[in-house]
């Protein structure tokens, strides 16, 4: 569905050059797979599989925070959202369909090219930009996302600090990542990459996984407080993901800025 009007965009004057937070090695890894972003059976199949869970969590939490009716087709009209590490736009597009004025940000130029083309083909107005959160001026967005990104950056504290700076007072932050546990090493690394081959081998470095307490501490240092944490788990016989209280492997974060 095309948006009824073009989303608000960041004027060029509000984009600034700063020292990057992205890892050149990780950017190259995901850029090499860019053409597969929208293939639900390809290298990004896991993201397609748990997208419904992530989107349901976002809709519920953001509707409650901003006082919107989650049952509406486009409940978030008038709100701006920054999708950091947007890749091919797997979250940016459905969030634009919910009414957000979406800016998708990624350090990989090929990822952004794929995202722009797909949005154009889908009739969606999403403002895709090459860069990182450090390129955004302070207090620009109502919502900032960093979903499955923090485990791929060299300095998670500096990365999250840049994300939080881009958030307006009263805004909401949503993140998702992998917990650094023995279980996550067994399932997310050995199982998903080396046994089931859901992901290319080497996609994740277990040492870069972030514990929920660490994530919360990074955010708290920037004046952003965690309001909710939810795990995500896979049910093999249904071939689907669901929310859970178990955060030993995948988990999501909802936080707000005072």
C-alpha atoms as a PDB file:
ATOM      1  CA  UNK A   1       0.000   0.000   0.000  1.00  0.00           C
ATOM      2  CA  UNK A   2       1.439   3.361  -0.940  1.00  0.00           C
ATOM      3  CA  UNK A   3       1.543   6.081   1.673  1.00  0.00           C
ATOM      4  CA  UNK A   4      -0.862   8.962   1.246  1.00  0.00           C
ATOM      5  CA  UNK A   5       1.943  11.523   1.491  1.00  0.00           C
ATOM      6  CA  UNK A   6       5.713  11.525   1.433  1.00  0.00           C
ATOM      7  CA  UNK A   7       7.264  10.995   4.862  1.00  0.00           C
ATOM      8  CA  UNK A   8       9.205  13.694   6.608  1.00  0.00           C
ATOM      9  CA  UNK A   9      12.839  13.473   5.619  1.00  0.00           C
ATOM     10  CA  UNK A  10      15.993  14.632   7.323  1.00  0.00           C
ATOM     11  CA  UNK A  11      17.191  17.848   5.626  1.00  0.00           C
ATOM     12  CA  UNK A  12      20.774  17.538   4.327  1.00  0.00           C
ATOM     13  CA  UNK A  13      21.891  20.048   6.965  1.00  0.00           C
ATOM     14  CA  UNK A  14      20.922  17.570   9.690  1.00  0.00           C
ATOM     15  CA  UNK A  15      23.240  14.838   8.393  1.00  0.00           C
ATOM     16  CA  UNK A  16      26.743  15.197   9.809  1.00  0.00           C
ATOM     17  CA  UNK A  17      29.966  13.267   9.362  1.00  0.00           C
ATOM     18  CA  UNK A  18      31.249  11.561  12.523  1.00  0.00           C
ATOM     19  CA  UNK A  19      33.517   8.634  13.253  1.00  0.00           C
ATOM     20  CA  UNK A  20      31.633   5.540  12.155  1.00  0.00           C
ATOM     21  CA  UNK A  21      30.271   2.896  14.531  1.00  0.00           C
ATOM     22  CA  UNK A  22      29.998   0.132  11.914  1.00  0.00           C
ATOM     23  CA  UNK A  23      32.475  -2.712  11.406  1.00  0.00           C
ATOM     24  CA  UNK A  24      33.854  -2.702   7.854  1.00  0.00           C
ATOM     25  CA  UNK A  25      34.145  -6.494   7.983  1.00  0.00           C
ATOM     26  CA  UNK A  26      30.497  -6.929   8.999  1.00  0.00           C
ATOM     27  CA  UNK A  27      29.324  -4.374   6.419  1.00  0.00           C
ATOM     28  CA  UNK A  28      31.175  -6.299   3.701  1.00  0.00           C
ATOM     29  CA  UNK A  29      29.675  -9.603   4.895  1.00  0.00           C
ATOM     30  CA  UNK A  30      26.060  -8.409   4.668  1.00  0.00           C
ATOM     31  CA  UNK A  31      26.595  -6.332   1.523  1.00  0.00           C
ATOM     32  CA  UNK A  32      27.836  -9.471  -0.254  1.00  0.00           C
ATOM     33  CA  UNK A  33      24.438 -11.061   0.459  1.00  0.00           C
ATOM     34  CA  UNK A  34      22.371  -7.960  -0.388  1.00  0.00           C
ATOM     35  CA  UNK A  35      20.469  -9.434  -3.326  1.00  0.00           C
ATOM     36  CA  UNK A  36      19.035 -12.133  -1.042  1.00  0.00           C
ATOM     37  CA  UNK A  37      17.317  -9.764   1.409  1.00  0.00           C
ATOM     38  CA  UNK A  38      13.791 -10.266   0.044  1.00  0.00           C
ATOM     39  CA  UNK A  39      14.065 -13.999  -0.663  1.00  0.00           C
ATOM     40  CA  UNK A  40      12.021 -15.671   2.135  1.00  0.00           C
ATOM     41  CA  UNK A  41      13.812 -18.960   1.492  1.00  0.00           C
ATOM     42  CA  UNK A  42      17.303 -17.530   1.068  1.00  0.00           C
ATOM     43  CA  UNK A  43      20.129 -16.465   3.357  1.00  0.00           C
ATOM     44  CA  UNK A  44      17.858 -14.158   5.369  1.00  0.00           C
ATOM     45  CA  UNK A  45      15.121 -16.746   5.914  1.00  0.00           C
ATOM     46  CA  UNK A  46      15.440 -16.491   9.743  1.00  0.00           C
ATOM     47  CA  UNK A  47      14.639 -12.763   9.608  1.00  0.00           C
ATOM     48  CA  UNK A  48      11.563 -13.406   7.449  1.00  0.00           C
ATOM     49  CA  UNK A  49      10.476 -16.107   9.904  1.00  0.00           C
ATOM     50  CA  UNK A  50      10.609 -14.006  13.043  1.00  0.00           C
ATOM     51  CA  UNK A  51       9.558 -10.710  11.458  1.00  0.00           C
ATOM     52  CA  UNK A  52       5.881 -11.227  12.467  1.00  0.00           C
ATOM     53  CA  UNK A  53       6.921 -11.619  16.125  1.00  0.00           C
ATOM     54  CA  UNK A  54       9.112  -8.515  16.044  1.00  0.00           C
ATOM     55  CA  UNK A  55       6.437  -6.432  14.322  1.00  0.00           C
ATOM     56  CA  UNK A  56       3.707  -7.538  16.727  1.00  0.00           C
ATOM     57  CA  UNK A  57       5.927  -6.591  19.684  1.00  0.00           C
ATOM     58  CA  UNK A  58       6.657  -3.186  18.162  1.00  0.00           C
ATOM     59  CA  UNK A  59       3.041  -2.421  17.294  1.00  0.00           C
ATOM     60  CA  UNK A  60       1.833  -3.329  20.779  1.00  0.00           C
ATOM     61  CA  UNK A  61       4.533  -1.459  22.689  1.00  0.00           C
ATOM     62  CA  UNK A  62       4.574   1.647  20.509  1.00  0.00           C
ATOM     63  CA  UNK A  63       0.787   1.961  20.408  1.00  0.00           C
ATOM     64  CA  UNK A  64       0.655   1.854  24.206  1.00  0.00           C
ATOM     65  CA  UNK A  65       3.530   4.324  24.581  1.00  0.00           C
ATOM     66  CA  UNK A  66       2.177   6.905  22.129  1.00  0.00           C
ATOM     67  CA  UNK A  67      -1.496   6.393  22.993  1.00  0.00           C
ATOM     68  CA  UNK A  68      -2.445   5.031  19.584  1.00  0.00           C
ATOM     69  CA  UNK A  69      -5.040   2.424  18.609  1.00  0.00           C
ATOM     70  CA  UNK A  70      -3.062  -0.678  17.608  1.00  0.00           C
ATOM     71  CA  UNK A  71      -6.120  -2.066  15.783  1.00  0.00           C
ATOM     72  CA  UNK A  72      -5.965   0.682  13.150  1.00  0.00           C
ATOM     73  CA  UNK A  73      -4.279  -0.024   9.836  1.00  0.00           C
ATOM     74  CA  UNK A  74      -2.013   3.038  10.142  1.00  0.00           C
ATOM     75  CA  UNK A  75      -1.913   3.934  13.851  1.00  0.00           C
ATOM     76  CA  UNK A  76       1.410   5.787  13.758  1.00  0.00           C
ATOM     77  CA  UNK A  77       0.692   8.652  11.347  1.00  0.00           C
ATOM     78  CA  UNK A  78       2.654  11.753  12.275  1.00  0.00           C
ATOM     79  CA  UNK A  79       5.505   9.883  14.002  1.00  0.00           C
ATOM     80  CA  UNK A  80       9.055   9.553  12.674  1.00  0.00           C
ATOM     81  CA  UNK A  81      11.127   6.369  12.927  1.00  0.00           C
ATOM     82  CA  UNK A  82      14.794   5.601  12.302  1.00  0.00           C
ATOM     83  CA  UNK A  83      15.639   1.983  11.388  1.00  0.00           C
ATOM     84  CA  UNK A  84      19.382   1.630  12.097  1.00  0.00           C
ATOM     85  CA  UNK A  85      21.043  -1.202  10.199  1.00  0.00           C
ATOM     86  CA  UNK A  86      17.947  -1.549   8.027  1.00  0.00           C
ATOM     87  CA  UNK A  87      19.564  -3.899   5.520  1.00  0.00           C
ATOM     88  CA  UNK A  88      17.173  -4.505   2.645  1.00  0.00           C
ATOM     89  CA  UNK A  89      14.228  -2.901   4.451  1.00  0.00           C
ATOM     90  CA  UNK A  90      12.491  -5.958   5.934  1.00  0.00           C
ATOM     91  CA  UNK A  91      11.263  -3.875   8.885  1.00  0.00           C
ATOM     92  CA  UNK A  92      11.287  -0.424   7.289  1.00  0.00           C
ATOM     93  CA  UNK A  93       8.589  -1.302   4.760  1.00  0.00           C
ATOM     94  CA  UNK A  94       5.956  -2.803   7.111  1.00  0.00           C
ATOM     95  CA  UNK A  95       6.565   0.027   9.576  1.00  0.00           C
ATOM     96  CA  UNK A  96       5.970   2.559   6.809  1.00  0.00           C
ATOM     97  CA  UNK A  97       2.723   0.713   6.088  1.00  0.00           C
ATOM     98  CA  UNK A  98       1.766   1.295   9.742  1.00  0.00           C
ATOM     99  CA  UNK A  99       1.993   5.044   9.135  1.00  0.00           C
ATOM    100  CA  UNK A 100       5.485   5.914  10.368  1.00  0.00           C
ATOM    101  CA  UNK A 101       7.643   8.344   8.397  1.00  0.00           C
ATOM    102  CA  UNK A 102      10.540   5.903   8.097  1.00  0.00           C
ATOM    103  CA  UNK A 103      14.214   6.632   7.504  1.00  0.00           C
ATOM    104  CA  UNK A 104      16.252   3.486   6.882  1.00  0.00           C
ATOM    105  CA  UNK A 105      19.963   3.733   7.647  1.00  0.00           C
ATOM    106  CA  UNK A 106      22.633   1.208   6.673  1.00  0.00           C
ATOM    107  CA  UNK A 107      26.392   1.366   6.173  1.00  0.00           C
ATOM    108  CA  UNK A 108      26.213  -0.942   3.139  1.00  0.00           C
ATOM    109  CA  UNK A 109      25.595   0.897  -0.121  1.00  0.00           C
ATOM    110  CA  UNK A 110      24.349  -2.228  -1.894  1.00  0.00           C
ATOM    111  CA  UNK A 111      21.891  -2.946   0.921  1.00  0.00           C
ATOM    112  CA  UNK A 112      20.472   0.549   0.527  1.00  0.00           C
ATOM    113  CA  UNK A 113      20.254   0.142  -3.259  1.00  0.00           C
ATOM    114  CA  UNK A 114      18.246  -3.082  -2.816  1.00  0.00           C
ATOM    115  CA  UNK A 115      16.026  -1.459  -0.184  1.00  0.00           C
ATOM    116  CA  UNK A 116      15.307   1.585  -2.365  1.00  0.00           C
ATOM    117  CA  UNK A 117      14.436  -0.556  -5.363  1.00  0.00           C
ATOM    118  CA  UNK A 118      12.094  -2.825  -3.386  1.00  0.00           C
ATOM    119  CA  UNK A 119      10.327   0.129  -1.754  1.00  0.00           C
ATOM    120  CA  UNK A 120       9.831   1.710  -5.162  1.00  0.00           C
ATOM    121  CA  UNK A 121       8.418  -1.530  -6.538  1.00  0.00           C
ATOM    122  CA  UNK A 122       6.107  -1.752  -3.511  1.00  0.00           C
ATOM    123  CA  UNK A 123       4.897   1.833  -3.868  1.00  0.00           C
ATOM    124  CA  UNK A 124       6.250   2.831  -0.447  1.00  0.00           C
ATOM    125  CA  UNK A 125       7.933   6.107   0.468  1.00  0.00           C
ATOM    126  CA  UNK A 126      10.877   5.227   2.701  1.00  0.00           C
ATOM    127  CA  UNK A 127      13.865   7.549   3.034  1.00  0.00           C
ATOM    128  CA  UNK A 128      16.870   5.225   2.734  1.00  0.00           C
ATOM    129  CA  UNK A 129      20.315   6.615   3.532  1.00  0.00           C
ATOM    130  CA  UNK A 130      23.850   5.220   3.609  1.00  0.00           C
ATOM    131  CA  UNK A 131      25.437   5.783   7.006  1.00  0.00           C
ATOM    132  CA  UNK A 132      25.223   5.068  10.718  1.00  0.00           C
ATOM    133  CA  UNK A 133      23.491   6.584  13.746  1.00  0.00           C
ATOM    134  CA  UNK A 134      26.469   8.851  14.354  1.00  0.00           C
ATOM    135  CA  UNK A 135      25.470  10.693  11.149  1.00  0.00           C
ATOM    136  CA  UNK A 136      22.158  11.831  12.649  1.00  0.00           C
ATOM    137  CA  UNK A 137      21.708  15.006  14.701  1.00  0.00           C
ATOM    138  CA  UNK A 138      20.330  14.792  18.212  1.00  0.00           C
ATOM    139  CA  UNK A 139      16.620  14.527  19.045  1.00  0.00           C
ATOM    140  CA  UNK A 140      15.498  13.868  15.457  1.00  0.00           C
ATOM    141  CA  UNK A 141      13.213  10.815  15.747  1.00  0.00           C
ATOM    142  CA  UNK A 142      10.237   9.663  17.800  1.00  0.00           C
ATOM    143  CA  UNK A 143      11.336   6.025  17.489  1.00  0.00           C
ATOM    144  CA  UNK A 144      14.753   4.450  16.918  1.00  0.00           C
ATOM    145  CA  UNK A 145      15.220   0.762  16.056  1.00  0.00           C
ATOM    146  CA  UNK A 146      18.392  -1.309  16.248  1.00  0.00           C
ATOM    147  CA  UNK A 147      17.217  -4.842  15.566  1.00  0.00           C
ATOM    148  CA  UNK A 148      19.847  -7.597  15.303  1.00  0.00           C
ATOM    149  CA  UNK A 149      22.588  -4.989  14.839  1.00  0.00           C
ATOM    150  CA  UNK A 150      24.426  -4.486  18.129  1.00  0.00           C
ATOM    151  CA  UNK A 151      26.068  -7.936  17.959  1.00  0.00           C
ATOM    152  CA  UNK A 152      27.737  -6.895  14.692  1.00  0.00           C
ATOM    153  CA  UNK A 153      29.342  -3.599  15.780  1.00  0.00           C
ATOM    154  CA  UNK A 154      32.832  -3.272  17.320  1.00  0.00           C
ATOM    155  CA  UNK A 155      31.819  -0.880  20.134  1.00  0.00           C
ATOM    156  CA  UNK A 156      28.230  -1.514  21.253  1.00  0.00           C
ATOM    157  CA  UNK A 157      28.302   1.224  23.885  1.00  0.00           C
ATOM    158  CA  UNK A 158      29.288   3.907  21.351  1.00  0.00           C
ATOM    159  CA  UNK A 159      26.813   2.561  18.819  1.00  0.00           C
ATOM    160  CA  UNK A 160      23.904   2.681  21.284  1.00  0.00           C
ATOM    161  CA  UNK A 161      24.964   6.119  22.483  1.00  0.00           C
ATOM    162  CA  UNK A 162      24.605   7.392  18.898  1.00  0.00           C
ATOM    163  CA  UNK A 163      21.190   5.692  18.583  1.00  0.00           C
ATOM    164  CA  UNK A 164      19.989   7.273  21.819  1.00  0.00           C
ATOM    165  CA  UNK A 165      21.190  10.735  20.806  1.00  0.00           C
ATOM    166  CA  UNK A 166      19.010  10.533  17.689  1.00  0.00           C
ATOM    167  CA  UNK A 167      15.943   9.911  19.850  1.00  0.00           C
ATOM    168  CA  UNK A 168      13.639  12.760  20.905  1.00  0.00           C
ATOM    169  CA  UNK A 169      12.788  13.202  24.599  1.00  0.00           C
ATOM    170  CA  UNK A 170       9.734  11.050  25.261  1.00  0.00           C
ATOM    171  CA  UNK A 171      10.656   8.806  22.365  1.00  0.00           C
ATOM    172  CA  UNK A 172      10.961   5.027  22.261  1.00  0.00           C
ATOM    173  CA  UNK A 173      13.868   2.717  21.481  1.00  0.00           C
ATOM    174  CA  UNK A 174      13.490  -0.889  20.331  1.00  0.00           C
ATOM    175  CA  UNK A 175      16.346  -3.317  20.022  1.00  0.00           C
ATOM    176  CA  UNK A 176      16.921  -7.023  19.518  1.00  0.00           C
ATOM    177  CA  UNK A 177      19.995  -9.170  19.802  1.00  0.00           C
ATOM    178  CA  UNK A 178      21.410 -12.458  21.111  1.00  0.00           C
ATOM    179  CA  UNK A 179      22.244 -13.219  24.721  1.00  0.00           C
ATOM    180  CA  UNK A 180      25.781 -14.370  25.528  1.00  0.00           C
ATOM    181  CA  UNK A 181      25.026 -17.763  27.077  1.00  0.00           C
ATOM    182  CA  UNK A 182      26.086 -21.351  26.562  1.00  0.00           C
ATOM    183  CA  UNK A 183      22.626 -22.017  25.136  1.00  0.00           C
ATOM    184  CA  UNK A 184      22.955 -19.246  22.552  1.00  0.00           C
ATOM    185  CA  UNK A 185      26.326 -20.626  21.441  1.00  0.00           C
ATOM    186  CA  UNK A 186      24.815 -24.082  21.022  1.00  0.00           C
ATOM    187  CA  UNK A 187      21.662 -22.949  19.197  1.00  0.00           C
ATOM    188  CA  UNK A 188      22.428 -19.648  17.447  1.00  0.00           C
ATOM    189  CA  UNK A 189      25.997 -20.389  16.387  1.00  0.00           C
ATOM    190  CA  UNK A 190      26.605 -24.143  16.188  1.00  0.00           C
ATOM    191  CA  UNK A 191      22.988 -25.094  15.461  1.00  0.00           C
ATOM    192  CA  UNK A 192      21.865 -22.291  13.138  1.00  0.00           C
ATOM    193  CA  UNK A 193      25.133 -21.855  11.239  1.00  0.00           C
ATOM    194  CA  UNK A 194      26.977 -25.190  11.252  1.00  0.00           C
ATOM    195  CA  UNK A 195      24.262 -27.838  11.615  1.00  0.00           C
ATOM    196  CA  UNK A 196      20.972 -26.481  10.228  1.00  0.00           C
ATOM    197  CA  UNK A 197      22.757 -24.012   7.889  1.00  0.00           C
ATOM    198  CA  UNK A 198      20.040 -21.407   8.432  1.00  0.00           C
ATOM    199  CA  UNK A 199      22.788 -18.775   8.250  1.00  0.00           C
ATOM    200  CA  UNK A 200      26.159 -18.653   6.496  1.00  0.00           C
ATOM    201  CA  UNK A 201      28.968 -19.928   8.711  1.00  0.00           C
ATOM    202  CA  UNK A 202      30.697 -17.077  10.489  1.00  0.00           C
ATOM    203  CA  UNK A 203      27.637 -14.813  10.570  1.00  0.00           C
ATOM    204  CA  UNK A 204      27.924 -14.426  14.344  1.00  0.00           C
ATOM    205  CA  UNK A 205      30.775 -14.060  16.810  1.00  0.00           C
ATOM    206  CA  UNK A 206      29.484 -15.351  20.156  1.00  0.00           C
ATOM    207  CA  UNK A 207      31.892 -13.073  22.016  1.00  0.00           C
ATOM    208  CA  UNK A 208      29.981 -10.057  20.652  1.00  0.00           C
ATOM    209  CA  UNK A 209      26.613 -11.228  21.988  1.00  0.00           C
ATOM    210  CA  UNK A 210      25.148  -8.880  24.614  1.00  0.00           C
ATOM    211  CA  UNK A 211      23.521  -9.837  27.904  1.00  0.00           C
ATOM    212  CA  UNK A 212      20.230  -8.074  28.749  1.00  0.00           C
ATOM    213  CA  UNK A 213      21.799  -6.403  31.794  1.00  0.00           C
ATOM    214  CA  UNK A 214      24.614  -5.047  29.617  1.00  0.00           C
ATOM    215  CA  UNK A 215      22.135  -3.760  27.035  1.00  0.00           C
ATOM    216  CA  UNK A 216      20.122  -2.024  29.760  1.00  0.00           C
ATOM    217  CA  UNK A 217      23.268  -0.470  31.257  1.00  0.00           C
ATOM    218  CA  UNK A 218      24.356   0.926  27.878  1.00  0.00           C
ATOM    219  CA  UNK A 219      20.944   2.543  27.416  1.00  0.00           C
ATOM    220  CA  UNK A 220      20.682   3.819  30.988  1.00  0.00           C
ATOM    221  CA  UNK A 221      23.970   5.643  30.549  1.00  0.00           C
ATOM    222  CA  UNK A 222      22.296   7.665  27.781  1.00  0.00           C
ATOM    223  CA  UNK A 223      19.134   8.454  29.726  1.00  0.00           C
ATOM    224  CA  UNK A 224      17.070   5.680  28.121  1.00  0.00           C
ATOM    225  CA  UNK A 225      15.360   3.252  30.497  1.00  0.00           C
ATOM    226  CA  UNK A 226      14.309  -0.307  29.635  1.00  0.00           C
ATOM    227  CA  UNK A 227      10.566  -0.825  30.163  1.00  0.00           C
ATOM    228  CA  UNK A 228      10.224  -4.394  28.894  1.00  0.00           C
ATOM    229  CA  UNK A 229      12.270  -7.362  27.756  1.00  0.00           C
ATOM    230  CA  UNK A 230      10.925 -10.350  25.827  1.00  0.00           C
ATOM    231  CA  UNK A 231      12.573 -13.460  24.509  1.00  0.00           C
ATOM    232  CA  UNK A 232      11.945 -15.110  21.133  1.00  0.00           C
ATOM    233  CA  UNK A 233      11.935 -18.869  20.672  1.00  0.00           C
ATOM    234  CA  UNK A 234      11.550 -21.234  17.739  1.00  0.00           C
ATOM    235  CA  UNK A 235       9.012 -24.083  17.640  1.00  0.00           C
ATOM    236  CA  UNK A 236      10.369 -26.680  15.176  1.00  0.00           C
ATOM    237  CA  UNK A 237       7.193 -28.686  14.563  1.00  0.00           C
ATOM    238  CA  UNK A 238       5.313 -25.473  13.681  1.00  0.00           C
ATOM    239  CA  UNK A 239       8.301 -23.874  11.943  1.00  0.00           C
ATOM    240  CA  UNK A 240       7.519 -20.560  13.613  1.00  0.00           C
ATOM    241  CA  UNK A 241       8.785 -18.132  16.222  1.00  0.00           C
ATOM    242  CA  UNK A 242       6.926 -16.817  19.274  1.00  0.00           C
ATOM    243  CA  UNK A 243       7.410 -14.479  22.230  1.00  0.00           C
ATOM    244  CA  UNK A 244       8.590 -16.068  25.457  1.00  0.00           C
ATOM    245  CA  UNK A 245       9.909 -15.183  28.904  1.00  0.00           C
ATOM    246  CA  UNK A 246      13.047 -17.189  28.055  1.00  0.00           C
ATOM    247  CA  UNK A 247      15.791 -14.754  27.003  1.00  0.00           C
ATOM    248  CA  UNK A 248      18.658 -17.249  26.910  1.00  0.00           C
ATOM    249  CA  UNK A 249      19.063 -16.909  23.133  1.00  0.00           C
ATOM    250  CA  UNK A 250      17.112 -14.203  21.239  1.00  0.00           C
ATOM    251  CA  UNK A 251      15.530 -11.275  23.028  1.00  0.00           C
ATOM    252  CA  UNK A 252      13.915  -7.882  22.345  1.00  0.00           C
ATOM    253  CA  UNK A 253      14.185  -4.622  24.267  1.00  0.00           C
ATOM    254  CA  UNK A 254      11.659  -1.790  24.633  1.00  0.00           C
ATOM    255  CA  UNK A 255      12.945   1.392  26.283  1.00  0.00           C
ATOM    256  CA  UNK A 256      11.950   5.040  26.576  1.00  0.00           C
ATOM    257  CA  UNK A 257      13.812   8.341  26.823  1.00  0.00           C
ATOM    258  CA  UNK A 258      12.848  10.725  29.581  1.00  0.00           C
END
